[in-house]
PDB file of N, CA and C in Angstrom:
ATOM      1  N   MET A   1       5.069  20.335   6.600  1.00  0.00           N
ATOM      2  CA  MET A   1       5.062  19.134   4.902  1.00  0.00           C
ATOM      3  C   MET A   1       5.779  18.332   4.669  1.00  0.00           C
ATOM      4  N   TYR A   2       6.871  18.843   5.405  1.00  0.00           N
ATOM      5  CA  TYR A   2       8.345  17.577   5.402  1.00  0.00           C
ATOM      6  C   TYR A   2       7.648  16.279   6.331  1.00  0.00           C
ATOM      7  N   PHE A   3       7.936  16.204   7.774  1.00  0.00           N
ATOM      8  CA  PHE A   3       7.323  15.998   8.173  1.00  0.00           C
ATOM      9  C   PHE A   3       6.230  14.849   8.013  1.00  0.00           C
ATOM     10  N   ILE A   4       4.768  15.995   7.229  1.00  0.00           N
ATOM     11  CA  ILE A   4       3.652  14.303   7.022  1.00  0.00           C
ATOM     12  C   ILE A   4       4.461  13.507   5.755  1.00  0.00           C
ATOM     13  N   ARG A   5       5.357  14.348   4.780  1.00  0.00           N
ATOM     14  CA  ARG A   5       5.854  13.081   3.756  1.00  0.00           C
ATOM     15  C   ARG A   5       6.564  12.052   4.416  1.00  0.00           C
ATOM     16  N   LEU A   6       7.491  12.542   5.589  1.00  0.00           N
ATOM     17  CA  LEU A   6       8.800  11.552   6.196  1.00  0.00           C
ATOM     18  C   LEU A   6       7.109  10.454   7.236  1.00  0.00           C
ATOM     19  N   VAL A   7       6.817  10.985   7.631  1.00  0.00           N
ATOM     20  CA  VAL A   7       5.907  10.090   8.707  1.00  0.00           C
ATOM     21  C   VAL A   7       5.205   9.248   7.352  1.00  0.00           C
ATOM     22  N   MET A   8       4.343   9.676   6.549  1.00  0.00           N
ATOM     23  CA  MET A   8       3.666   8.556   5.115  1.00  0.00           C
ATOM     24  C   MET A   8       4.721   7.860   4.421  1.00  0.00           C
ATOM     25  N   LEU A   9       6.453   8.023   3.950  1.00  0.00           N
ATOM     26  CA  LEU A   9       6.848   7.502   3.318  1.00  0.00           C
ATOM     27  C   LEU A   9       7.409   6.254   4.765  1.00  0.00           C
ATOM     28  N   LEU A  10       7.447   6.428   5.594  1.00  0.00           N
ATOM     29  CA  LEU A  10       7.699   5.232   6.516  1.00  0.00           C
ATOM     30  C   LEU A  10       6.800   4.148   7.206  1.00  0.00           C
ATOM     31  N   LEU A  11       5.168   4.409   7.259  1.00  0.00           N
ATOM     32  CA  LEU A  11       4.367   4.161   7.441  1.00  0.00           C
ATOM     33  C   LEU A  11       3.948   3.331   6.063  1.00  0.00           C
ATOM     34  N   ILE A  12       4.390   4.037   4.770  1.00  0.00           N
ATOM     35  CA  ILE A  12       3.918   2.898   3.213  1.00  0.00           C
ATOM     36  C   ILE A  12       5.390   1.938   3.805  1.00  0.00           C
ATOM     37  N   SER A  13       6.042   2.034   4.373  1.00  0.00           N
ATOM     38  CA  SER A  13       7.109   1.211   4.100  1.00  0.00           C
ATOM     39  C   SER A  13       7.179   0.339   4.842  1.00  0.00           C
ATOM     40  N   SER A  14       6.779   0.083   6.424  1.00  0.00           N
ATOM     41  CA  SER A  14       6.736  -0.490   7.362  1.00  0.00           C
ATOM     42  C   SER A  14       6.057  -1.142   7.194  1.00  0.00           C
ATOM     43  N   SER A  15       4.448  -1.071   6.163  1.00  0.00           N
ATOM     44  CA  SER A  15       3.984  -1.672   6.120  1.00  0.00           C
ATOM     45  C   SER A  15       3.971  -2.941   4.979  1.00  0.00           C
ATOM     46  N   ALA A  16       5.149  -2.694   3.877  1.00  0.00           N
ATOM     47  CA  ALA A  16       5.725  -3.016   2.977  1.00  0.00           C
ATOM     48  C   ALA A  16       6.288  -4.209   4.099  1.00  0.00           C
ATOM     49  N   VAL A  17       6.963  -3.994   4.607  1.00  0.00           N
ATOM     50  CA  VAL A  17       7.437  -4.833   5.119  1.00  0.00           C
ATOM     51  C   VAL A  17       7.153  -5.840   5.767  1.00  0.00           C
ATOM     52  N   GLY A  18       6.061  -5.320   6.617  1.00  0.00           N
ATOM     53  CA  GLY A  18       5.242  -6.601   7.192  1.00  0.00           C
ATOM     54  C   GLY A  18       4.217  -7.454   6.917  1.00  0.00           C
ATOM     55  N   GLN A  19       4.413  -6.785   5.382  1.00  0.00           N
ATOM     56  CA  GLN A  19       3.386  -7.929   4.744  1.00  0.00           C
ATOM     57  C   GLN A  19       4.184  -9.008   4.566  1.00  0.00           C
ATOM     58  N   SER A  20       5.442  -8.688   3.731  1.00  0.00           N
ATOM     59  CA  SER A  20       6.242 -10.279   3.452  1.00  0.00           C
ATOM     60  C   SER A  20       7.084 -11.003   4.410  1.00  0.00           C
ATOM     61  N   GLY A  21       7.164 -10.576   5.563  1.00  0.00           N
ATOM     62  CA  GLY A  21       7.784 -11.586   6.662  1.00  0.00           C
ATOM     63  C   GLY A  21       9.191 -11.412   6.440  1.00  0.00           C
ATOM     64  N   ASN A  22       9.312 -11.672   4.832  1.00  0.00           N
ATOM     65  CA  ASN A  22      10.803 -12.403   4.412  1.00  0.00           C
ATOM     66  C   ASN A  22      11.531 -11.338   3.502  1.00  0.00           C
ATOM     67  N   ILE A  23      12.717 -11.857   3.342  1.00  0.00           N
ATOM     68  CA  ILE A  23      13.096 -10.300   2.407  1.00  0.00           C
ATOM     69  C   ILE A  23      13.826 -11.678   1.012  1.00  0.00           C
ATOM     70  N   PRO A  24      13.655 -11.790   0.191  1.00  0.00           N
ATOM     71  CA  PRO A  24      14.064 -12.424  -0.323  1.00  0.00           C
ATOM     72  C   PRO A  24      15.776 -12.708  -0.616  1.00  0.00           C
ATOM     73  N   ALA A  25      16.166 -13.363  -1.346  1.00  0.00           N
ATOM     74  CA  ALA A  25      17.716 -13.312  -1.334  1.00  0.00           C
ATOM     75  C   ALA A  25      17.874 -12.391  -2.759  1.00  0.00           C
ATOM     76  N   PHE A  26      19.324 -11.525  -2.126  1.00  0.00           N
ATOM     77  CA  PHE A  26      20.217 -10.602  -3.343  1.00  0.00           C
ATOM     78  C   PHE A  26      21.157 -10.537  -2.695  1.00  0.00           C
ATOM     79  N   LYS A  27      21.745  -9.798  -4.166  1.00  0.00           N
ATOM     80  CA  LYS A  27      23.056  -9.176  -3.993  1.00  0.00           C
ATOM     81  C   LYS A  27      23.372  -8.040  -4.697  1.00  0.00           C
ATOM     82  N   PHE A  28      23.905  -6.866  -3.709  1.00  0.00           N
ATOM     83  CA  PHE A  28      24.473  -5.627  -4.061  1.00  0.00           C
ATOM     84  C   PHE A  28      25.812  -5.917  -4.680  1.00  0.00           C
ATOM     85  N   SER A  29      26.422  -4.862  -5.376  1.00  0.00           N
ATOM     86  CA  SER A  29      27.703  -4.327  -4.733  1.00  0.00           C
ATOM     87  C   SER A  29      28.114  -3.373  -3.872  1.00  0.00           C
ATOM     88  N   ARG A  30      29.315  -2.975  -3.414  1.00  0.00           N
ATOM     89  CA  ARG A  30      29.203  -2.282  -2.689  1.00  0.00           C
ATOM     90  C   ARG A  30      29.895  -0.642  -3.260  1.00  0.00           C
ATOM     91  N   GLY A  31      30.531   0.144  -2.508  1.00  0.00           N
ATOM     92  CA  GLY A  31      31.643   0.909  -3.390  1.00  0.00           C
ATOM     93  C   GLY A  31      32.144   0.486  -3.927  1.00  0.00           C
ATOM     94  N   ASN A  32      33.237  -0.450  -3.917  1.00  0.00           N
ATOM     95  CA  ASN A  32      33.978  -1.187  -4.898  1.00  0.00           C
ATOM     96  C   ASN A  32      33.269  -2.454  -5.385  1.00  0.00           C
ATOM     97  N   GLN A  33      33.612  -3.099  -6.487  1.00  0.00           N
ATOM     98  CA  GLN A  33      33.020  -3.979  -7.253  1.00  0.00           C
ATOM     99  C   GLN A  33      33.478  -5.166  -6.576  1.00  0.00           C
ATOM    100  N   SER A  34      34.506  -5.354  -5.728  1.00  0.00           N
ATOM    101  CA  SER A  34      34.531  -6.951  -5.029  1.00  0.00           C
ATOM    102  C   SER A  34      33.893  -6.892  -3.681  1.00  0.00           C
ATOM    103  N   GLU A  35      33.572  -5.778  -3.543  1.00  0.00           N
ATOM    104  CA  GLU A  35      32.941  -6.322  -2.091  1.00  0.00           C
ATOM    105  C   GLU A  35      31.320  -5.974  -2.284  1.00  0.00           C
ATOM    106  N   VAL A  36      30.362  -7.187  -1.702  1.00  0.00           N
ATOM    107  CA  VAL A  36      29.410  -7.715  -1.884  1.00  0.00           C
ATOM    108  C   VAL A  36      28.237  -7.460  -0.843  1.00  0.00           C
ATOM    109  N   PHE A  37      26.974  -6.927  -1.031  1.00  0.00           N
ATOM    110  CA  PHE A  37      26.503  -6.984   0.253  1.00  0.00           C
ATOM    111  C   PHE A  37      25.112  -7.756   0.204  1.00  0.00           C
ATOM    112  N   THR A  38      24.828  -8.940   0.961  1.00  0.00           N
ATOM    113  CA  THR A  38      23.425  -9.993   0.298  1.00  0.00           C
ATOM    114  C   THR A  38      22.874  -9.686   1.795  1.00  0.00           C
ATOM    115  N   ASP A  39      21.306 -10.979   1.326  1.00  0.00           N
ATOM    116  CA  ASP A  39      20.634 -10.857   2.329  1.00  0.00           C
ATOM    117  C   ASP A  39      21.024 -11.218   3.546  1.00  0.00           C
ATOM    118  N   LYS A  40      22.010 -11.940   3.924  1.00  0.00           N
ATOM    119  CA  LYS A  40      21.848 -12.724   4.545  1.00  0.00           C
ATOM    120  C   LYS A  40      23.490 -11.528   5.598  1.00  0.00           C
ATOM    121  N   ASN A  41      23.568 -10.427   5.083  1.00  0.00           N
ATOM    122  CA  ASN A  41      24.363  -9.367   6.178  1.00  0.00           C
ATOM    123  C   ASN A  41      23.200  -8.518   6.651  1.00  0.00           C
ATOM    124  N   ILE A  42      22.008  -8.933   6.826  1.00  0.00           N
ATOM    125  CA  ILE A  42      20.875  -8.034   7.270  1.00  0.00           C
ATOM    126  C   ILE A  42      20.597  -8.682   8.736  1.00  0.00           C
ATOM    127  N   PRO A  43      20.658  -7.926  10.077  1.00  0.00           N
ATOM    128  CA  PRO A  43      20.478  -8.102  11.067  1.00  0.00           C
ATOM    129  C   PRO A  43      18.628  -8.684  11.092  1.00  0.00           C
ATOM    130  N   ALA A  44      18.659  -9.532  12.213  1.00  0.00           N
ATOM    131  CA  ALA A  44      17.492 -10.271  11.770  1.00  0.00           C
ATOM    132  C   ALA A  44      16.469  -9.815  13.037  1.00  0.00           C
ATOM    133  N   ASN A  45      17.138  -8.592  14.086  1.00  0.00           N
ATOM    134  CA  ASN A  45      16.624  -8.489  15.441  1.00  0.00           C
ATOM    135  C   ASN A  45      16.136  -6.923  14.837  1.00  0.00           C
ATOM    136  N   LYS A  46      16.527  -6.733  13.710  1.00  0.00           N
ATOM    137  CA  LYS A  46      16.135  -4.772  13.523  1.00  0.00           C
ATOM    138  C   LYS A  46      15.035  -5.123  12.532  1.00  0.00           C
ATOM    139  N   LYS A  47      13.889  -3.894  11.988  1.00  0.00           N
ATOM    140  CA  LYS A  47      13.348  -3.573  11.153  1.00  0.00           C
ATOM    141  C   LYS A  47      14.470  -2.512  10.161  1.00  0.00           C
ATOM    142  N   SER A  48      14.347  -3.494   8.384  1.00  0.00           N
ATOM    143  CA  SER A  48      14.856  -3.268   7.263  1.00  0.00           C
ATOM    144  C   SER A  48      14.386  -2.258   6.745  1.00  0.00           C
ATOM    145  N   LEU A  49      14.735  -0.693   6.360  1.00  0.00           N
ATOM    146  CA  LEU A  49      13.846  -0.253   5.338  1.00  0.00           C
ATOM    147  C   LEU A  49      14.887   0.256   4.058  1.00  0.00           C
ATOM    148  N   PHE A  50      14.649  -0.396   3.194  1.00  0.00           N
ATOM    149  CA  PHE A  50      15.655  -0.352   1.623  1.00  0.00           C
ATOM    150  C   PHE A  50      14.884   1.320   0.779  1.00  0.00           C
ATOM    151  N   VAL A  51      16.046   2.157   0.582  1.00  0.00           N
ATOM    152  CA  VAL A  51      15.527   3.287  -0.419  1.00  0.00           C
ATOM    153  C   VAL A  51      16.099   3.181  -1.454  1.00  0.00           C
ATOM    154  N   PHE A  52      15.636   3.349  -2.378  1.00  0.00           N
ATOM    155  CA  PHE A  52      16.028   3.229  -3.624  1.00  0.00           C
ATOM    156  C   PHE A  52      15.776   4.497  -4.420  1.00  0.00           C
ATOM    157  N   PHE A  53      17.469   5.186  -4.823  1.00  0.00           N
ATOM    158  CA  PHE A  53      16.930   6.609  -4.905  1.00  0.00           C
ATOM    159  C   PHE A  53      18.130   6.892  -6.168  1.00  0.00           C
ATOM    160  N   ASP A  54      17.829   7.627  -6.539  1.00  0.00           N
ATOM    161  CA  ASP A  54      18.978   8.497  -7.768  1.00  0.00           C
ATOM    162  C   ASP A  54      19.657   9.789  -7.215  1.00  0.00           C
ATOM    163  N   ILE A  55      20.818   9.976  -7.324  1.00  0.00           N
ATOM    164  CA  ILE A  55      21.659  11.429  -6.653  1.00  0.00           C
ATOM    165  C   ILE A  55      20.715  12.499  -7.675  1.00  0.00           C
ATOM    166  N   THR A  56      20.915  12.466  -8.607  1.00  0.00           N
ATOM    167  CA  THR A  56      20.208  13.098  -9.307  1.00  0.00           C
ATOM    168  C   THR A  56      18.982  13.734  -9.593  1.00  0.00           C
ATOM    169  N   CYS A  57      17.667  12.914  -8.748  1.00  0.00           N
ATOM    170  CA  CYS A  57      16.438  13.031  -8.438  1.00  0.00           C
ATOM    171  C   CYS A  57      15.837  14.054  -7.381  1.00  0.00           C
ATOM    172  N   PRO A  58      15.469  15.277  -7.619  1.00  0.00           N
ATOM    173  CA  PRO A  58      15.290  16.310  -6.554  1.00  0.00           C
ATOM    174  C   PRO A  58      14.399  15.602  -5.685  1.00  0.00           C
ATOM    175  N   HIS A  59      13.836  14.954  -5.610  1.00  0.00           N
ATOM    176  CA  HIS A  59      12.476  13.937  -4.550  1.00  0.00           C
ATOM    177  C   HIS A  59      13.453  13.280  -3.745  1.00  0.00           C
ATOM    178  N   CYS A  60      14.264  12.703  -4.490  1.00  0.00           N
ATOM    179  CA  CYS A  60      14.963  11.512  -3.493  1.00  0.00           C
ATOM    180  C   CYS A  60      16.576  12.201  -2.509  1.00  0.00           C
ATOM    181  N   GLN A  61      16.381  13.306  -3.688  1.00  0.00           N
ATOM    182  CA  GLN A  61      17.304  14.415  -2.297  1.00  0.00           C
ATOM    183  C   GLN A  61      16.681  15.050  -1.384  1.00  0.00           C
ATOM    184  N   GLU A  62      15.256  15.729  -1.625  1.00  0.00           N
ATOM    185  CA  GLU A  62      14.561  15.517  -0.577  1.00  0.00           C
ATOM    186  C   GLU A  62      13.997  14.869   0.667  1.00  0.00           C
ATOM    187  N   ALA A  63      13.662  13.793   0.134  1.00  0.00           N
ATOM    188  CA  ALA A  63      13.897  12.513   1.567  1.00  0.00           C
ATOM    189  C   ALA A  63      15.107  11.455   2.221  1.00  0.00           C
ATOM    190  N   ILE A  64      15.819  11.610   1.114  1.00  0.00           N
ATOM    191  CA  ILE A  64      17.713  11.809   2.139  1.00  0.00           C
ATOM    192  C   ILE A  64      17.480  12.683   3.161  1.00  0.00           C
ATOM    193  N   THR A  65      17.191  14.082   2.483  1.00  0.00           N
ATOM    194  CA  THR A  65      17.487  14.513   4.031  1.00  0.00           C
ATOM    195  C   THR A  65      16.461  14.437   5.215  1.00  0.00           C
ATOM    196  N   LEU A  66      15.523  14.363   5.075  1.00  0.00           N
ATOM    197  CA  LEU A  66      14.330  14.135   6.020  1.00  0.00           C
ATOM    198  C   LEU A  66      14.908  12.826   7.107  1.00  0.00           C
ATOM    199  N   PHE A  67      15.185  11.605   6.590  1.00  0.00           N
ATOM    200  CA  PHE A  67      15.843  10.814   7.179  1.00  0.00           C
ATOM    201  C   PHE A  67      16.918  10.984   7.854  1.00  0.00           C
ATOM    202  N   ASN A  68      18.047  11.723   7.000  1.00  0.00           N
ATOM    203  CA  ASN A  68      18.858  12.099   7.760  1.00  0.00           C
ATOM    204  C   ASN A  68      18.949  13.234   9.028  1.00  0.00           C
ATOM    205  N   GLY A  69      17.338  13.976   8.857  1.00  0.00           N
ATOM    206  CA  GLY A  69      16.787  14.410  10.335  1.00  0.00           C
ATOM    207  C   GLY A  69      16.137  13.533  11.273  1.00  0.00           C
ATOM    208  N   GLN A  70      16.022  12.181  11.059  1.00  0.00           N
ATOM    209  CA  GLN A  70      14.903  11.264  11.843  1.00  0.00           C
ATOM    210  C   GLN A  70      15.905  10.122  12.744  1.00  0.00           C
ATOM    211  N   ASN A  71      17.192  10.707  13.406  1.00  0.00           N
ATOM    212  CA  ASN A  71      17.952   9.650  13.570  1.00  0.00           C
ATOM    213  C   ASN A  71      16.964   9.010  14.844  1.00  0.00           C
ATOM    214  N   LYS A  72      16.557   9.737  15.952  1.00  0.00           N
ATOM    215  CA  LYS A  72      15.761   8.676  16.553  1.00  0.00           C
ATOM    216  C   LYS A  72      14.801   7.945  16.477  1.00  0.00           C
ATOM    217  N   GLU A  73      14.081   8.507  15.566  1.00  0.00           N
ATOM    218  CA  GLU A  73      13.012   7.267  15.099  1.00  0.00           C
ATOM    219  C   GLU A  73      13.261   6.344  14.625  1.00  0.00           C
ATOM    220  N   LEU A  74      14.667   6.597  13.815  1.00  0.00           N
ATOM    221  CA  LEU A  74      14.826   5.398  12.630  1.00  0.00           C
ATOM    222  C   LEU A  74      16.123   4.696  14.053  1.00  0.00           C
ATOM    223  N   GLU A  75      16.808   4.823  14.945  1.00  0.00           N
ATOM    224  CA  GLU A  75      17.772   4.344  15.724  1.00  0.00           C
ATOM    225  C   GLU A  75      17.483   3.004  15.694  1.00  0.00           C
ATOM    226  N   ASN A  76      16.143   1.968  15.723  1.00  0.00           N
ATOM    227  CA  ASN A  76      16.162   0.834  15.970  1.00  0.00           C
ATOM    228  C   ASN A  76      16.075   0.108  14.340  1.00  0.00           C
ATOM    229  N   SER A  77      16.207   0.777  13.535  1.00  0.00           N
ATOM    230  CA  SER A  77      16.325  -0.034  11.950  1.00  0.00           C
ATOM    231  C   SER A  77      17.315   0.232  11.641  1.00  0.00           C
ATOM    232  N   SER A  78      17.035  -0.874  10.302  1.00  0.00           N
ATOM    233  CA  SER A  78      18.859  -0.478   9.431  1.00  0.00           C
ATOM    234  C   SER A  78      18.079  -0.085   8.086  1.00  0.00           C
ATOM    235  N   VAL A  79      18.388   1.247   7.578  1.00  0.00           N
ATOM    236  CA  VAL A  79      18.252   1.876   6.612  1.00  0.00           C
ATOM    237  C   VAL A  79      19.466   1.826   5.430  1.00  0.00           C
ATOM    238  N   TYR A  80      19.056   1.229   4.024  1.00  0.00           N
ATOM    239  CA  TYR A  80      19.556   0.999   3.491  1.00  0.00           C
ATOM    240  C   TYR A  80      19.778   1.883   2.179  1.00  0.00           C
ATOM    241  N   LEU A  81      20.564   2.585   1.933  1.00  0.00           N
ATOM    242  CA  LEU A  81      20.590   3.260   0.636  1.00  0.00           C
ATOM    243  C   LEU A  81      20.994   2.484  -0.761  1.00  0.00           C
ATOM    244  N   ILE A  82      20.458   2.601  -1.749  1.00  0.00           N
ATOM    245  CA  ILE A  82      20.676   1.612  -2.742  1.00  0.00           C
ATOM    246  C   ILE A  82      20.620   2.700  -4.465  1.00  0.00           C
ATOM    247  N   THR A  83      21.727   2.661  -4.827  1.00  0.00           N
ATOM    248  CA  THR A  83      21.829   3.430  -5.895  1.00  0.00           C
ATOM    249  C   THR A  83      22.291   3.461  -6.973  1.00  0.00           C
ATOM    250  N   MET A  84      22.036   3.172  -8.467  1.00  0.00           N
ATOM    251  CA  MET A  84      22.764   2.653  -9.422  1.00  0.00           C
ATOM    252  C   MET A  84      23.521   3.663  -9.702  1.00  0.00           C
ATOM    253  N   ASP A  85      23.577   5.028  -9.856  1.00  0.00           N
ATOM    254  CA  ASP A  85      24.646   6.346  -9.569  1.00  0.00           C
ATOM    255  C   ASP A  85      26.274   5.454  -9.318  1.00  0.00           C
ATOM    256  N   ASP A  86      27.013   6.090 -10.308  1.00  0.00           N
ATOM    257  CA  ASP A  86      28.551   5.344 -10.047  1.00  0.00           C
ATOM    258  C   ASP A  86      29.258   5.785  -8.190  1.00  0.00           C
ATOM    259  N   LYS A  87      30.315   5.307  -7.871  1.00  0.00           N
ATOM    260  CA  LYS A  87      30.864   6.131  -6.577  1.00  0.00           C
ATOM    261  C   LYS A  87      31.727   7.336  -6.937  1.00  0.00           C
ATOM    262  N   THR A  88      31.339   7.518  -7.879  1.00  0.00           N
ATOM    263  CA  THR A  88      32.408   9.169  -7.876  1.00  0.00           C
ATOM    264  C   THR A  88      31.580  10.349  -8.166  1.00  0.00           C
ATOM    265  N   SER A  89      29.844  10.506  -8.466  1.00  0.00           N
ATOM    266  CA  SER A  89      28.771  10.684  -8.064  1.00  0.00           C
ATOM    267  C   SER A  89      28.340  11.290  -6.776  1.00  0.00           C
TER     268      SER A  89
END
């Protein structure tokens, strides 16, 4: 069941990225507020997967656990975990 969910998530994610072709300009703060991550930091030669999640969400926790076990499948991709939770959480 977990494998089916992961495959579905990856298929949906890859088709969404494939449709747009370009990532719009953005700016996220990293762990400390002075460090910034932007669209310019994304390597052009890899697929990118952006995962928006909440650390208290059971569904999100399950998805991150599934990603963790799929290193081989994701080795040619950049996976970005994005949350609004604070660093201490």
